[in-house]
């Protein structure tokens, strides 16, 4: 199908983009990489009167280290995150997650910010951002605010971002020594989206006792989530296969798992435990 008619804007600065969003508060959509918005427009699921293309705001594409944090611009592409030498050294979980997204064409155009704001319950980035305890910088007419990743995702395709705000930056805290990360998923064959995806950040001491752990899960529920019950079962424990297996069974405990043509609710719940166990074992091997 052909999208309905719209007026197109290509601002060069964040403030110019915010001005347009404030001028057309209920009728404008932000275009980043386009992999979420354009298909919706072609199917007439989205019919915005105004498109604000932020792709020319070069300041939002950076990947850098500042103090004790990694700062990632919302327009950084999946490919740039996958290939970044800085991330491979400082936070390889991000590069590993990027490499698992879609195909080459998708990674060349899609952006981390666009994926996070779209909040598809089967997207890959939310799991990693939750596991890393990231912060998201949101900028609007009244200034900026910073949210924890766990407070950003509200429900299916819904976030805490206001209509006149932009996500401009993702902030990743510095990882301590003896930290390993992993992202593993069972994906849909056609799209690459996660039926179940699990990201793990794991820090151990010299005796393999768990000191810090973050586990983000996608694909299972209507929004991505932290597997807190698994984390609580691991903290302070000396990790071995039995401890990890027992904790991983709690990955979907208390949740209403999604059910669709790709997987039943029961199967998704089972896979959540399986992939949590695998991701924890992979992260532990790297942490050593």
C-alpha atoms as a PDB file:
ATOM      1  CA  UNK A   1       0.000   0.000   0.000  1.00  0.00           C
ATOM      2  CA  UNK A   2       0.950   3.631  -0.372  1.00  0.00           C
ATOM      3  CA  UNK A   3       1.131   5.835   2.772  1.00  0.00           C
ATOM      4  CA  UNK A   4      -1.332   8.663   3.197  1.00  0.00           C
ATOM      5  CA  UNK A   5      -0.016  12.110   2.290  1.00  0.00           C
ATOM      6  CA  UNK A   6       2.183  13.933   4.771  1.00  0.00           C
ATOM      7  CA  UNK A   7       4.434  16.972   5.093  1.00  0.00           C
ATOM      8  CA  UNK A   8       8.136  16.244   5.549  1.00  0.00           C
ATOM      9  CA  UNK A   9      10.662  18.104   7.736  1.00  0.00           C
ATOM     10  CA  UNK A  10      14.384  17.415   8.162  1.00  0.00           C
ATOM     11  CA  UNK A  11      15.660  19.456  11.130  1.00  0.00           C
ATOM     12  CA  UNK A  12      19.401  19.840  11.652  1.00  0.00           C
ATOM     13  CA  UNK A  13      19.319  20.319  15.451  1.00  0.00           C
ATOM     14  CA  UNK A  14      17.535  18.818  18.438  1.00  0.00           C
ATOM     15  CA  UNK A  15      15.936  22.159  19.289  1.00  0.00           C
ATOM     16  CA  UNK A  16      14.587  22.538  15.763  1.00  0.00           C
ATOM     17  CA  UNK A  17      13.089  19.040  15.970  1.00  0.00           C
ATOM     18  CA  UNK A  18      11.532  19.767  19.355  1.00  0.00           C
ATOM     19  CA  UNK A  19      10.000  22.934  17.954  1.00  0.00           C
ATOM     20  CA  UNK A  20       8.278  20.948  15.229  1.00  0.00           C
ATOM     21  CA  UNK A  21       6.993  18.346  17.689  1.00  0.00           C
ATOM     22  CA  UNK A  22       5.578  21.117  19.884  1.00  0.00           C
ATOM     23  CA  UNK A  23       3.968  22.793  16.856  1.00  0.00           C
ATOM     24  CA  UNK A  24       2.254  19.558  15.769  1.00  0.00           C
ATOM     25  CA  UNK A  25       1.860  17.699  19.092  1.00  0.00           C
ATOM     26  CA  UNK A  26      -0.709  15.112  18.034  1.00  0.00           C
ATOM     27  CA  UNK A  27      -0.065  14.869  14.305  1.00  0.00           C
ATOM     28  CA  UNK A  28       3.702  14.427  13.957  1.00  0.00           C
ATOM     29  CA  UNK A  29       5.842  11.290  13.985  1.00  0.00           C
ATOM     30  CA  UNK A  30       9.607  11.107  14.398  1.00  0.00           C
ATOM     31  CA  UNK A  31      11.559   9.241  11.717  1.00  0.00           C
ATOM     32  CA  UNK A  32      14.952   7.795  12.670  1.00  0.00           C
ATOM     33  CA  UNK A  33      16.046   4.649  10.798  1.00  0.00           C
ATOM     34  CA  UNK A  34      12.540   4.066   9.466  1.00  0.00           C
ATOM     35  CA  UNK A  35      12.297   0.312  10.038  1.00  0.00           C
ATOM     36  CA  UNK A  36       9.317   0.664  12.385  1.00  0.00           C
ATOM     37  CA  UNK A  37       7.487   3.756  11.171  1.00  0.00           C
ATOM     38  CA  UNK A  38       7.592   3.254   7.391  1.00  0.00           C
ATOM     39  CA  UNK A  39       6.016  -0.242   7.403  1.00  0.00           C
ATOM     40  CA  UNK A  40       3.254   1.075   9.668  1.00  0.00           C
ATOM     41  CA  UNK A  41       2.641   3.963   7.270  1.00  0.00           C
ATOM     42  CA  UNK A  42       2.536   1.669   4.233  1.00  0.00           C
ATOM     43  CA  UNK A  43      -0.107  -0.452   5.937  1.00  0.00           C
ATOM     44  CA  UNK A  44      -1.981   2.700   7.035  1.00  0.00           C
ATOM     45  CA  UNK A  45      -1.577   1.648  10.662  1.00  0.00           C
ATOM     46  CA  UNK A  46       0.043   5.055  11.158  1.00  0.00           C
ATOM     47  CA  UNK A  47      -1.189   8.108   9.232  1.00  0.00           C
ATOM     48  CA  UNK A  48       0.835  11.087  10.492  1.00  0.00           C
ATOM     49  CA  UNK A  49       0.276  14.442   8.833  1.00  0.00           C
ATOM     50  CA  UNK A  50       3.852  15.505   9.549  1.00  0.00           C
ATOM     51  CA  UNK A  51       7.115  13.544   9.494  1.00  0.00           C
ATOM     52  CA  UNK A  52      10.057  14.897  11.478  1.00  0.00           C
ATOM     53  CA  UNK A  53      13.172  13.170  10.111  1.00  0.00           C
ATOM     54  CA  UNK A  54      15.914  13.492  12.742  1.00  0.00           C
ATOM     55  CA  UNK A  55      18.438  11.523  10.685  1.00  0.00           C
ATOM     56  CA  UNK A  56      20.442  14.652   9.832  1.00  0.00           C
ATOM     57  CA  UNK A  57      21.125  15.562  13.471  1.00  0.00           C
ATOM     58  CA  UNK A  58      24.726  14.311  13.446  1.00  0.00           C
ATOM     59  CA  UNK A  59      25.244  15.024  17.156  1.00  0.00           C
ATOM     60  CA  UNK A  60      22.947  12.092  17.990  1.00  0.00           C
ATOM     61  CA  UNK A  61      25.104   9.451  16.279  1.00  0.00           C
ATOM     62  CA  UNK A  62      28.148   9.430  18.554  1.00  0.00           C
ATOM     63  CA  UNK A  63      29.542   6.553  20.601  1.00  0.00           C
ATOM     64  CA  UNK A  64      31.970   7.757  23.241  1.00  0.00           C
ATOM     65  CA  UNK A  65      33.314   7.314  26.755  1.00  0.00           C
ATOM     66  CA  UNK A  66      32.931  10.120  29.256  1.00  0.00           C
ATOM     67  CA  UNK A  67      34.024   9.676  32.852  1.00  0.00           C
ATOM     68  CA  UNK A  68      32.692   6.377  34.151  1.00  0.00           C
ATOM     69  CA  UNK A  69      30.009   5.990  31.471  1.00  0.00           C
ATOM     70  CA  UNK A  70      29.595   5.061  27.846  1.00  0.00           C
ATOM     71  CA  UNK A  71      27.411   7.567  26.018  1.00  0.00           C
ATOM     72  CA  UNK A  72      25.550   6.330  22.957  1.00  0.00           C
ATOM     73  CA  UNK A  73      23.616   8.691  20.716  1.00  0.00           C
ATOM     74  CA  UNK A  74      20.080   7.640  19.906  1.00  0.00           C
ATOM     75  CA  UNK A  75      20.855   7.679  16.159  1.00  0.00           C
ATOM     76  CA  UNK A  76      23.785   5.272  16.433  1.00  0.00           C
ATOM     77  CA  UNK A  77      23.018   2.463  13.993  1.00  0.00           C
ATOM     78  CA  UNK A  78      23.041  -1.205  14.889  1.00  0.00           C
ATOM     79  CA  UNK A  79      26.043  -1.623  12.583  1.00  0.00           C
ATOM     80  CA  UNK A  80      28.035   1.156  14.263  1.00  0.00           C
ATOM     81  CA  UNK A  81      27.393  -0.450  17.651  1.00  0.00           C
ATOM     82  CA  UNK A  82      28.280  -3.891  16.333  1.00  0.00           C
ATOM     83  CA  UNK A  83      31.577  -2.677  14.863  1.00  0.00           C
ATOM     84  CA  UNK A  84      32.633  -0.126  17.523  1.00  0.00           C
ATOM     85  CA  UNK A  85      36.119  -0.854  18.866  1.00  0.00           C
ATOM     86  CA  UNK A  86      35.264   1.071  22.043  1.00  0.00           C
ATOM     87  CA  UNK A  87      32.229  -1.074  22.781  1.00  0.00           C
ATOM     88  CA  UNK A  88      34.023  -4.313  21.959  1.00  0.00           C
ATOM     89  CA  UNK A  89      36.567  -3.378  24.605  1.00  0.00           C
ATOM     90  CA  UNK A  90      34.393  -1.717  27.236  1.00  0.00           C
ATOM     91  CA  UNK A  91      30.964  -3.348  26.810  1.00  0.00           C
ATOM     92  CA  UNK A  92      30.981  -6.256  24.354  1.00  0.00           C
ATOM     93  CA  UNK A  93      27.397  -7.149  25.301  1.00  0.00           C
ATOM     94  CA  UNK A  94      26.232  -4.188  23.215  1.00  0.00           C
ATOM     95  CA  UNK A  95      28.202  -5.286  20.150  1.00  0.00           C
ATOM     96  CA  UNK A  96      26.963  -8.856  20.590  1.00  0.00           C
ATOM     97  CA  UNK A  97      23.346  -7.714  20.803  1.00  0.00           C
ATOM     98  CA  UNK A  98      23.694  -5.502  17.735  1.00  0.00           C
ATOM     99  CA  UNK A  99      25.072  -8.413  15.718  1.00  0.00           C
ATOM    100  CA  UNK A 100      21.939 -10.442  16.510  1.00  0.00           C
ATOM    101  CA  UNK A 101      19.541  -7.876  15.016  1.00  0.00           C
ATOM    102  CA  UNK A 102      17.872  -8.553  11.672  1.00  0.00           C
ATOM    103  CA  UNK A 103      20.183  -8.647   8.663  1.00  0.00           C
ATOM    104  CA  UNK A 104      22.888  -6.434   7.167  1.00  0.00           C
ATOM    105  CA  UNK A 105      20.425  -4.004   5.581  1.00  0.00           C
ATOM    106  CA  UNK A 106      18.502  -3.595   8.838  1.00  0.00           C
ATOM    107  CA  UNK A 107      21.691  -3.073  10.851  1.00  0.00           C
ATOM    108  CA  UNK A 108      22.970  -0.465   8.413  1.00  0.00           C
ATOM    109  CA  UNK A 109      19.876   1.741   8.744  1.00  0.00           C
ATOM    110  CA  UNK A 110      18.159   0.863  12.012  1.00  0.00           C
ATOM    111  CA  UNK A 111      19.024   2.876  15.139  1.00  0.00           C
ATOM    112  CA  UNK A 112      19.197   1.973  18.810  1.00  0.00           C
ATOM    113  CA  UNK A 113      17.013   4.934  19.781  1.00  0.00           C
ATOM    114  CA  UNK A 114      14.344   4.096  17.231  1.00  0.00           C
ATOM    115  CA  UNK A 115      14.186   0.527  18.472  1.00  0.00           C
ATOM    116  CA  UNK A 116      13.906   1.546  22.118  1.00  0.00           C
ATOM    117  CA  UNK A 117      11.207   4.153  21.500  1.00  0.00           C
ATOM    118  CA  UNK A 118       9.153   1.782  19.329  1.00  0.00           C
ATOM    119  CA  UNK A 119       9.211  -0.687  22.260  1.00  0.00           C
ATOM    120  CA  UNK A 120       8.349  -3.782  20.274  1.00  0.00           C
ATOM    121  CA  UNK A 121       7.981  -6.569  22.873  1.00  0.00           C
ATOM    122  CA  UNK A 122      10.181  -8.815  20.695  1.00  0.00           C
ATOM    123  CA  UNK A 123      12.989  -6.294  20.040  1.00  0.00           C
ATOM    124  CA  UNK A 124      16.562  -7.108  21.064  1.00  0.00           C
ATOM    125  CA  UNK A 125      17.920  -3.824  22.444  1.00  0.00           C
ATOM    126  CA  UNK A 126      15.587  -3.495  25.452  1.00  0.00           C
ATOM    127  CA  UNK A 127      16.940  -6.727  26.982  1.00  0.00           C
ATOM    128  CA  UNK A 128      20.541  -5.496  26.830  1.00  0.00           C
ATOM    129  CA  UNK A 129      19.683  -1.988  28.047  1.00  0.00           C
ATOM    130  CA  UNK A 130      17.826  -3.426  31.039  1.00  0.00           C
ATOM    131  CA  UNK A 131      20.610  -5.888  31.878  1.00  0.00           C
ATOM    132  CA  UNK A 132      23.196  -3.089  31.795  1.00  0.00           C
ATOM    133  CA  UNK A 133      21.108  -0.879  34.114  1.00  0.00           C
ATOM    134  CA  UNK A 134      21.268   1.901  31.537  1.00  0.00           C
ATOM    135  CA  UNK A 135      19.873   5.400  31.787  1.00  0.00           C
ATOM    136  CA  UNK A 136      18.009   7.167  28.982  1.00  0.00           C
ATOM    137  CA  UNK A 137      18.228  10.907  28.404  1.00  0.00           C
ATOM    138  CA  UNK A 138      14.984  12.474  27.205  1.00  0.00           C
ATOM    139  CA  UNK A 139      14.870  16.069  25.980  1.00  0.00           C
ATOM    140  CA  UNK A 140      11.745  18.200  25.644  1.00  0.00           C
ATOM    141  CA  UNK A 141      10.664  21.866  25.615  1.00  0.00           C
ATOM    142  CA  UNK A 142      10.966  22.041  29.404  1.00  0.00           C
ATOM    143  CA  UNK A 143      14.512  20.670  29.433  1.00  0.00           C
ATOM    144  CA  UNK A 144      15.940  17.214  29.935  1.00  0.00           C
ATOM    145  CA  UNK A 145      15.185  14.314  32.230  1.00  0.00           C
ATOM    146  CA  UNK A 146      16.934  10.993  32.782  1.00  0.00           C
ATOM    147  CA  UNK A 147      15.094   7.708  33.325  1.00  0.00           C
ATOM    148  CA  UNK A 148      16.308   4.292  34.322  1.00  0.00           C
ATOM    149  CA  UNK A 149      15.676   1.749  31.581  1.00  0.00           C
ATOM    150  CA  UNK A 150      13.288  -0.152  33.853  1.00  0.00           C
ATOM    151  CA  UNK A 151      11.103   2.980  34.111  1.00  0.00           C
ATOM    152  CA  UNK A 152      11.142   3.704  30.379  1.00  0.00           C
ATOM    153  CA  UNK A 153       9.174   0.690  29.127  1.00  0.00           C
ATOM    154  CA  UNK A 154       5.501   0.968  30.075  1.00  0.00           C
ATOM    155  CA  UNK A 155       3.635  -1.630  27.987  1.00  0.00           C
ATOM    156  CA  UNK A 156       3.484  -3.093  24.496  1.00  0.00           C
ATOM    157  CA  UNK A 157       4.656  -0.402  22.043  1.00  0.00           C
ATOM    158  CA  UNK A 158       4.411   2.149  24.858  1.00  0.00           C
ATOM    159  CA  UNK A 159       7.159   4.060  26.691  1.00  0.00           C
ATOM    160  CA  UNK A 160       7.423   6.962  29.124  1.00  0.00           C
ATOM    161  CA  UNK A 161       8.510   9.278  26.289  1.00  0.00           C
ATOM    162  CA  UNK A 162       6.156  12.234  25.888  1.00  0.00           C
ATOM    163  CA  UNK A 163       4.858  13.240  22.411  1.00  0.00           C
ATOM    164  CA  UNK A 164       6.967  16.419  22.421  1.00  0.00           C
ATOM    165  CA  UNK A 165      10.172  14.731  23.670  1.00  0.00           C
ATOM    166  CA  UNK A 166      13.118  13.051  21.976  1.00  0.00           C
ATOM    167  CA  UNK A 167      15.305  10.239  23.254  1.00  0.00           C
ATOM    168  CA  UNK A 168      18.788  11.625  22.628  1.00  0.00           C
ATOM    169  CA  UNK A 169      21.241   9.445  24.552  1.00  0.00           C
ATOM    170  CA  UNK A 170      21.702   6.086  26.259  1.00  0.00           C
ATOM    171  CA  UNK A 171      24.121   6.012  29.197  1.00  0.00           C
ATOM    172  CA  UNK A 172      25.850   2.788  30.224  1.00  0.00           C
ATOM    173  CA  UNK A 173      27.637   2.616  33.611  1.00  0.00           C
ATOM    174  CA  UNK A 174      31.240   1.419  33.638  1.00  0.00           C
ATOM    175  CA  UNK A 175      31.537  -2.333  34.126  1.00  0.00           C
ATOM    176  CA  UNK A 176      33.739  -3.589  36.971  1.00  0.00           C
ATOM    177  CA  UNK A 177      36.497  -6.200  36.528  1.00  0.00           C
ATOM    178  CA  UNK A 178      35.471  -9.860  36.225  1.00  0.00           C
ATOM    179  CA  UNK A 179      32.299  -8.931  34.386  1.00  0.00           C
ATOM    180  CA  UNK A 180      30.946 -10.981  31.522  1.00  0.00           C
ATOM    181  CA  UNK A 181      27.951 -10.460  29.282  1.00  0.00           C
ATOM    182  CA  UNK A 182      25.893 -12.471  26.819  1.00  0.00           C
ATOM    183  CA  UNK A 183      22.801 -12.115  24.670  1.00  0.00           C
ATOM    184  CA  UNK A 184      21.080 -15.241  23.381  1.00  0.00           C
ATOM    185  CA  UNK A 185      17.724 -15.648  21.692  1.00  0.00           C
ATOM    186  CA  UNK A 186      15.405 -17.951  19.822  1.00  0.00           C
ATOM    187  CA  UNK A 187      14.297 -15.898  16.846  1.00  0.00           C
ATOM    188  CA  UNK A 188      11.540 -15.908  14.288  1.00  0.00           C
ATOM    189  CA  UNK A 189      12.977 -17.333  11.073  1.00  0.00           C
ATOM    190  CA  UNK A 190      11.562 -14.669   8.766  1.00  0.00           C
ATOM    191  CA  UNK A 191      12.068 -11.484  10.768  1.00  0.00           C
ATOM    192  CA  UNK A 192      14.823 -12.282  13.266  1.00  0.00           C
ATOM    193  CA  UNK A 193      12.718 -10.870  16.116  1.00  0.00           C
ATOM    194  CA  UNK A 194      13.061 -12.662  19.431  1.00  0.00           C
ATOM    195  CA  UNK A 195      10.541 -15.280  20.458  1.00  0.00           C
ATOM    196  CA  UNK A 196      12.609 -15.230  23.633  1.00  0.00           C
ATOM    197  CA  UNK A 197      15.774 -13.202  24.150  1.00  0.00           C
ATOM    198  CA  UNK A 198      17.897 -12.953  27.312  1.00  0.00           C
ATOM    199  CA  UNK A 199      20.724 -10.507  28.028  1.00  0.00           C
ATOM    200  CA  UNK A 200      22.977 -11.029  31.038  1.00  0.00           C
ATOM    201  CA  UNK A 201      25.539  -8.833  32.804  1.00  0.00           C
ATOM    202  CA  UNK A 202      27.389 -10.843  35.455  1.00  0.00           C
ATOM    203  CA  UNK A 203      30.178  -9.872  37.856  1.00  0.00           C
ATOM    204  CA  UNK A 204      31.913 -12.478  40.012  1.00  0.00           C
ATOM    205  CA  UNK A 205      34.828 -12.469  42.445  1.00  0.00           C
ATOM    206  CA  UNK A 206      37.904 -14.709  42.291  1.00  0.00           C
ATOM    207  CA  UNK A 207      35.917 -17.545  43.892  1.00  0.00           C
ATOM    208  CA  UNK A 208      33.095 -17.291  41.321  1.00  0.00           C
ATOM    209  CA  UNK A 209      30.694 -15.786  43.842  1.00  0.00           C
ATOM    210  CA  UNK A 210      28.101 -13.581  42.154  1.00  0.00           C
ATOM    211  CA  UNK A 211      28.591  -9.950  43.181  1.00  0.00           C
ATOM    212  CA  UNK A 212      26.409  -8.171  40.621  1.00  0.00           C
ATOM    213  CA  UNK A 213      23.967  -9.403  38.017  1.00  0.00           C
ATOM    214  CA  UNK A 214      21.495  -7.871  35.597  1.00  0.00           C
ATOM    215  CA  UNK A 215      19.174  -9.968  33.439  1.00  0.00           C
ATOM    216  CA  UNK A 216      16.950  -8.445  30.751  1.00  0.00           C
ATOM    217  CA  UNK A 217      14.305 -10.530  29.018  1.00  0.00           C
ATOM    218  CA  UNK A 218      12.474  -9.753  25.777  1.00  0.00           C
ATOM    219  CA  UNK A 219       9.861 -11.576  23.727  1.00  0.00           C
ATOM    220  CA  UNK A 220       8.137 -13.196  26.694  1.00  0.00           C
ATOM    221  CA  UNK A 221       5.777 -10.540  28.067  1.00  0.00           C
ATOM    222  CA  UNK A 222       4.004  -7.466  26.718  1.00  0.00           C
ATOM    223  CA  UNK A 223       7.092  -5.425  27.619  1.00  0.00           C
ATOM    224  CA  UNK A 224      10.748  -6.261  28.304  1.00  0.00           C
ATOM    225  CA  UNK A 225      11.612  -6.802  31.953  1.00  0.00           C
ATOM    226  CA  UNK A 226      14.351  -7.439  34.486  1.00  0.00           C
ATOM    227  CA  UNK A 227      14.305 -11.021  35.797  1.00  0.00           C
ATOM    228  CA  UNK A 228      14.611  -9.873  39.407  1.00  0.00           C
ATOM    229  CA  UNK A 229      13.725 -13.216  40.948  1.00  0.00           C
ATOM    230  CA  UNK A 230      16.597 -14.867  39.092  1.00  0.00           C
ATOM    231  CA  UNK A 231      18.976 -12.069  40.081  1.00  0.00           C
ATOM    232  CA  UNK A 232      18.012 -12.366  43.754  1.00  0.00           C
ATOM    233  CA  UNK A 233      18.552 -16.127  43.629  1.00  0.00           C
ATOM    234  CA  UNK A 234      22.103 -15.650  42.317  1.00  0.00           C
ATOM    235  CA  UNK A 235      23.512 -12.755  44.343  1.00  0.00           C
ATOM    236  CA  UNK A 236      26.014 -13.871  46.945  1.00  0.00           C
ATOM    237  CA  UNK A 237      26.022 -17.459  45.678  1.00  0.00           C
ATOM    238  CA  UNK A 238      29.003 -19.363  44.350  1.00  0.00           C
ATOM    239  CA  UNK A 239      27.974 -20.091  40.808  1.00  0.00           C
ATOM    240  CA  UNK A 240      27.912 -23.563  39.337  1.00  0.00           C
ATOM    241  CA  UNK A 241      25.615 -25.320  36.893  1.00  0.00           C
ATOM    242  CA  UNK A 242      23.162 -26.423  39.597  1.00  0.00           C
ATOM    243  CA  UNK A 243      22.810 -22.951  41.152  1.00  0.00           C
ATOM    244  CA  UNK A 244      22.361 -21.356  37.734  1.00  0.00           C
ATOM    245  CA  UNK A 245      19.792 -23.941  36.607  1.00  0.00           C
ATOM    246  CA  UNK A 246      17.715 -23.540  39.766  1.00  0.00           C
ATOM    247  CA  UNK A 247      17.715 -19.740  39.546  1.00  0.00           C
ATOM    248  CA  UNK A 248      16.972 -19.697  35.805  1.00  0.00           C
ATOM    249  CA  UNK A 249      13.675 -21.506  36.334  1.00  0.00           C
ATOM    250  CA  UNK A 250      12.356 -18.290  37.890  1.00  0.00           C
ATOM    251  CA  UNK A 251      12.850 -16.293  34.675  1.00  0.00           C
ATOM    252  CA  UNK A 252       9.130 -15.994  33.891  1.00  0.00           C
ATOM    253  CA  UNK A 253       7.663 -16.711  37.310  1.00  0.00           C
ATOM    254  CA  UNK A 254       4.547 -14.650  38.022  1.00  0.00           C
ATOM    255  CA  UNK A 255       4.222 -13.371  34.447  1.00  0.00           C
ATOM    256  CA  UNK A 256       1.510 -13.818  31.834  1.00  0.00           C
ATOM    257  CA  UNK A 257       3.617 -14.927  28.887  1.00  0.00           C
ATOM    258  CA  UNK A 258       2.523 -13.988  25.371  1.00  0.00           C
ATOM    259  CA  UNK A 259       0.970 -16.571  23.088  1.00  0.00           C
ATOM    260  CA  UNK A 260       0.900 -16.351  19.281  1.00  0.00           C
ATOM    261  CA  UNK A 261       1.484 -18.420  16.147  1.00  0.00           C
ATOM    262  CA  UNK A 262       5.209 -18.595  16.921  1.00  0.00           C
ATOM    263  CA  UNK A 263       4.986 -19.972  20.461  1.00  0.00           C
ATOM    264  CA  UNK A 264       2.384 -20.732  23.106  1.00  0.00           C
ATOM    265  CA  UNK A 265       2.447 -19.072  26.514  1.00  0.00           C
ATOM    266  CA  UNK A 266       3.698 -22.287  28.125  1.00  0.00           C
ATOM    267  CA  UNK A 267       6.470 -22.729  25.567  1.00  0.00           C
ATOM    268  CA  UNK A 268       7.642 -19.127  25.948  1.00  0.00           C
ATOM    269  CA  UNK A 269       7.792 -19.533  29.722  1.00  0.00           C
ATOM    270  CA  UNK A 270       9.848 -22.703  29.289  1.00  0.00           C
ATOM    271  CA  UNK A 271      12.193 -21.021  26.804  1.00  0.00           C
ATOM    272  CA  UNK A 272      12.716 -18.088  29.162  1.00  0.00           C
ATOM    273  CA  UNK A 273      14.276 -20.455  31.690  1.00  0.00           C
ATOM    274  CA  UNK A 274      16.309 -22.312  29.066  1.00  0.00           C
ATOM    275  CA  UNK A 275      17.796 -19.171  27.525  1.00  0.00           C
ATOM    276  CA  UNK A 276      18.390 -17.520  30.895  1.00  0.00           C
ATOM    277  CA  UNK A 277      20.444 -20.547  31.923  1.00  0.00           C
ATOM    278  CA  UNK A 278      22.419 -20.525  28.679  1.00  0.00           C
ATOM    279  CA  UNK A 279      23.068 -16.789  28.802  1.00  0.00           C
ATOM    280  CA  UNK A 280      24.196 -16.975  32.439  1.00  0.00           C
ATOM    281  CA  UNK A 281      26.602 -19.818  31.643  1.00  0.00           C
ATOM    282  CA  UNK A 282      28.010 -17.862  28.680  1.00  0.00           C
ATOM    283  CA  UNK A 283      28.415 -14.685  30.753  1.00  0.00           C
ATOM    284  CA  UNK A 284      30.117 -16.635  33.571  1.00  0.00           C
ATOM    285  CA  UNK A 285      32.623 -18.130  31.141  1.00  0.00           C
ATOM    286  CA  UNK A 286      33.550 -14.612  29.972  1.00  0.00           C
ATOM    287  CA  UNK A 287      33.671 -13.205  33.501  1.00  0.00           C
ATOM    288  CA  UNK A 288      36.321 -15.739  34.490  1.00  0.00           C
END
